[in-house]
Amino acid sequence: MEILMELLRELTQDEKKMWVIGGSKVASENSSKGIKEPEVAGKYVTIEADNWHFHLALEDVTGIQFVDAESHGDMHSYYVRFSGPGYEDTLVRAYFPNPNLDENENRVDFQPDKLKDFEQFRDRYVGREGIVFVERPATSASQ
């Protein structure tokens, strides 16, 4: 649980990530505008931003993956996935800014600094307490 909280604290330190709550059946996409440091109360952590929040049962997080997923044909998405009991249960994903999109979600030439941010973050965590790196083909990018 210590590594989980360390990771959540670091993920919530900037407003450039998009948080997706839920998995394959229902998901909510949320900007990080006004995101605050996580708060722990008992067995739950609360992540809150300007116009949304969620409560995550810490004991339900059974896996953490850094993911490079093919998406939209020739692009990739980069995110941290928190999975629950049974690897297929996606609880929350924190997406890094896409290197092929600008701040308005328009396609632009590849921006290597955005990918570098993900890679440096990934390299600090992968291999610690079971955290893994996964490359997903387009057919399973929603996980």
Protein backbone atom coordinates (compact mmCIF):
# COMPACT_ATOMS: atom_id res chain seq x y z
CA MET A 1 0.00 0.00 0.00
CA GLU A 2 2.95 2.32 0.56
CA ILE A 3 4.01 2.21 -3.10
CA LEU A 4 0.38 2.77 -4.16
CA MET A 5 0.16 5.96 -2.10
CA GLU A 6 3.58 7.16 -3.31
CA LEU A 7 2.45 6.67 -6.90
CA LEU A 8 -0.93 8.36 -6.37
CA ARG A 9 0.75 11.34 -4.69
CA GLU A 10 3.14 11.76 -7.60
CA LEU A 11 0.41 11.35 -10.23
CA THR A 12 -1.65 14.10 -8.60
CA GLN A 13 1.16 16.67 -8.62
CA ASP A 14 0.26 18.16 -11.98
CA GLU A 15 -2.85 19.09 -13.92
CA LYS A 16 -1.79 17.53 -17.23
CA LYS A 17 -3.08 14.02 -16.67
CA MET A 18 -6.54 12.73 -17.48
CA TRP A 19 -8.11 10.38 -14.94
CA VAL A 20 -10.43 7.65 -16.18
CA ILE A 21 -12.52 6.03 -13.50
CA GLY A 22 -13.99 2.66 -14.34
CA GLY A 23 -13.29 0.05 -16.93
CA SER A 24 -14.82 -1.64 -19.91
CA LYS A 25 -18.54 -1.30 -19.09
CA VAL A 26 -18.65 2.26 -17.71
CA ALA A 27 -15.89 4.87 -17.60
CA SER A 28 -15.71 8.53 -16.67
CA GLU A 29 -12.98 10.74 -18.20
CA ASN A 30 -11.88 13.63 -16.00
CA SER A 31 -9.36 16.45 -16.37
CA SER A 32 -6.90 17.15 -13.58
CA LYS A 33 -7.76 20.84 -13.26
CA GLY A 34 -7.48 21.72 -9.58
CA ILE A 35 -6.34 18.24 -8.53
CA LYS A 36 -5.40 17.91 -4.88
CA GLU A 37 -3.11 15.57 -2.97
CA PRO A 38 -4.80 12.25 -2.14
CA GLU A 39 -6.45 11.96 1.26
CA VAL A 40 -6.60 8.68 3.13
CA ALA A 41 -9.44 7.86 5.51
CA GLY A 42 -9.40 4.34 6.85
CA LYS A 43 -9.28 1.86 3.97
CA TYR A 44 -10.08 4.48 1.28
CA VAL A 45 -8.16 7.13 -0.59
CA THR A 46 -9.96 10.11 -2.09
CA ILE A 47 -8.69 11.77 -5.26
CA GLU A 48 -10.34 15.16 -5.85
CA ALA A 49 -10.15 17.87 -8.51
CA ASP A 50 -12.23 20.98 -9.20
CA ASN A 51 -15.41 19.29 -10.43
CA TRP A 52 -15.07 15.59 -9.58
CA HIS A 53 -13.74 13.14 -7.01
CA PHE A 54 -13.63 9.43 -6.38
CA HIS A 55 -13.02 7.10 -3.45
CA LEU A 56 -10.83 4.07 -4.02
CA ALA A 57 -10.74 1.11 -1.65
CA LEU A 58 -7.00 0.61 -1.16
CA GLU A 59 -7.31 -3.12 -0.54
CA ASP A 60 -9.07 -3.55 -3.91
CA VAL A 61 -5.99 -2.43 -5.86
CA THR A 62 -4.25 -5.70 -6.59
CA GLY A 63 -2.15 -4.64 -9.59
CA ILE A 64 -0.44 -1.60 -11.08
CA GLN A 65 0.65 -1.45 -14.70
CA PHE A 66 2.37 1.23 -16.77
CA VAL A 67 0.82 0.87 -20.22
CA ASP A 68 1.80 1.78 -23.78
CA ALA A 69 -1.40 1.11 -25.73
CA GLU A 70 -1.97 1.40 -29.47
CA SER A 71 -4.92 3.67 -30.07
CA HIS A 72 -6.65 5.44 -32.94
CA GLY A 73 -4.66 3.54 -35.57
CA ASP A 74 -1.22 5.10 -35.62
CA MET A 75 -1.11 6.65 -32.14
CA HIS A 76 -0.28 5.35 -28.69
CA SER A 77 -1.71 6.21 -25.28
CA TYR A 78 0.44 6.15 -22.15
CA TYR A 79 -1.05 5.62 -18.74
CA VAL A 80 -0.89 4.01 -15.33
CA ARG A 81 -3.58 1.41 -14.74
CA PHE A 82 -4.76 0.34 -11.31
CA SER A 83 -6.47 -3.04 -11.48
CA GLY A 84 -8.62 -4.83 -8.97
CA PRO A 85 -9.28 -8.40 -7.99
CA GLY A 86 -8.88 -10.30 -11.19
CA TYR A 87 -6.48 -8.61 -13.58
CA GLU A 88 -9.28 -7.70 -16.02
CA ASP A 89 -10.98 -5.38 -13.50
CA THR A 90 -9.80 -1.85 -14.35
CA LEU A 91 -10.45 0.51 -11.45
CA VAL A 92 -8.67 3.73 -12.46
CA ARG A 93 -6.30 4.92 -15.18
CA ALA A 94 -4.15 8.07 -15.13
CA TYR A 95 -3.24 9.13 -18.70
CA PHE A 96 -0.13 11.12 -19.50
CA PRO A 97 -0.39 13.83 -22.17
CA ASN A 98 -0.36 12.22 -25.61
CA PRO A 99 2.83 12.97 -27.58
CA ASN A 100 0.79 13.26 -30.81
CA LEU A 101 -1.78 15.75 -29.51
CA ASP A 102 -1.64 19.39 -28.47
CA GLU A 103 -3.46 20.91 -25.47
CA ASN A 104 -6.66 21.10 -27.55
CA GLU A 105 -6.51 17.41 -28.55
CA ASN A 106 -5.49 18.26 -32.13
CA ARG A 107 -2.96 16.08 -33.92
CA VAL A 108 0.53 17.54 -34.11
CA ASP A 109 4.01 16.28 -34.94
CA PHE A 110 5.35 13.84 -32.36
CA GLN A 111 6.48 15.63 -29.17
CA PRO A 112 9.27 13.51 -27.65
CA ASP A 113 9.28 15.42 -24.34
CA LYS A 114 5.79 14.14 -23.55
CA LEU A 115 6.87 10.55 -24.09
CA LYS A 116 10.02 11.15 -22.06
CA ASP A 117 7.89 12.27 -19.10
CA PHE A 118 6.01 8.95 -19.18
CA GLU A 119 9.21 6.91 -19.62
CA GLN A 120 11.00 8.59 -16.71
CA PHE A 121 7.98 8.12 -14.47
CA ARG A 122 7.65 4.47 -15.57
CA ASP A 123 11.33 3.77 -14.98
CA ARG A 124 11.08 4.98 -11.37
CA TYR A 125 8.27 2.53 -10.56
CA VAL A 126 8.36 -0.57 -12.79
CA GLY A 127 9.90 -3.49 -10.95
CA ARG A 128 8.97 -2.17 -7.53
CA GLU A 129 6.50 -4.29 -5.55
CA GLY A 130 5.07 -6.04 -8.60
CA ILE A 131 4.53 -2.96 -10.80
CA VAL A 132 4.90 -3.96 -14.46
CA PHE A 133 5.14 -2.40 -17.92
CA VAL A 134 2.67 -3.63 -20.54
CA GLU A 135 2.41 -2.97 -24.26
CA ARG A 136 -1.12 -3.43 -25.55
CA PRO A 137 -2.24 -3.85 -29.15
CA ALA A 138 -5.21 -1.76 -30.32
CA THR A 139 -7.72 -4.53 -29.64
CA SER A 140 -7.23 -4.33 -25.85
CA ALA A 141 -6.28 -0.67 -25.37
CA SER A 142 -9.38 -0.03 -23.26
CA GLN A 143 -7.97 -2.07 -20.36
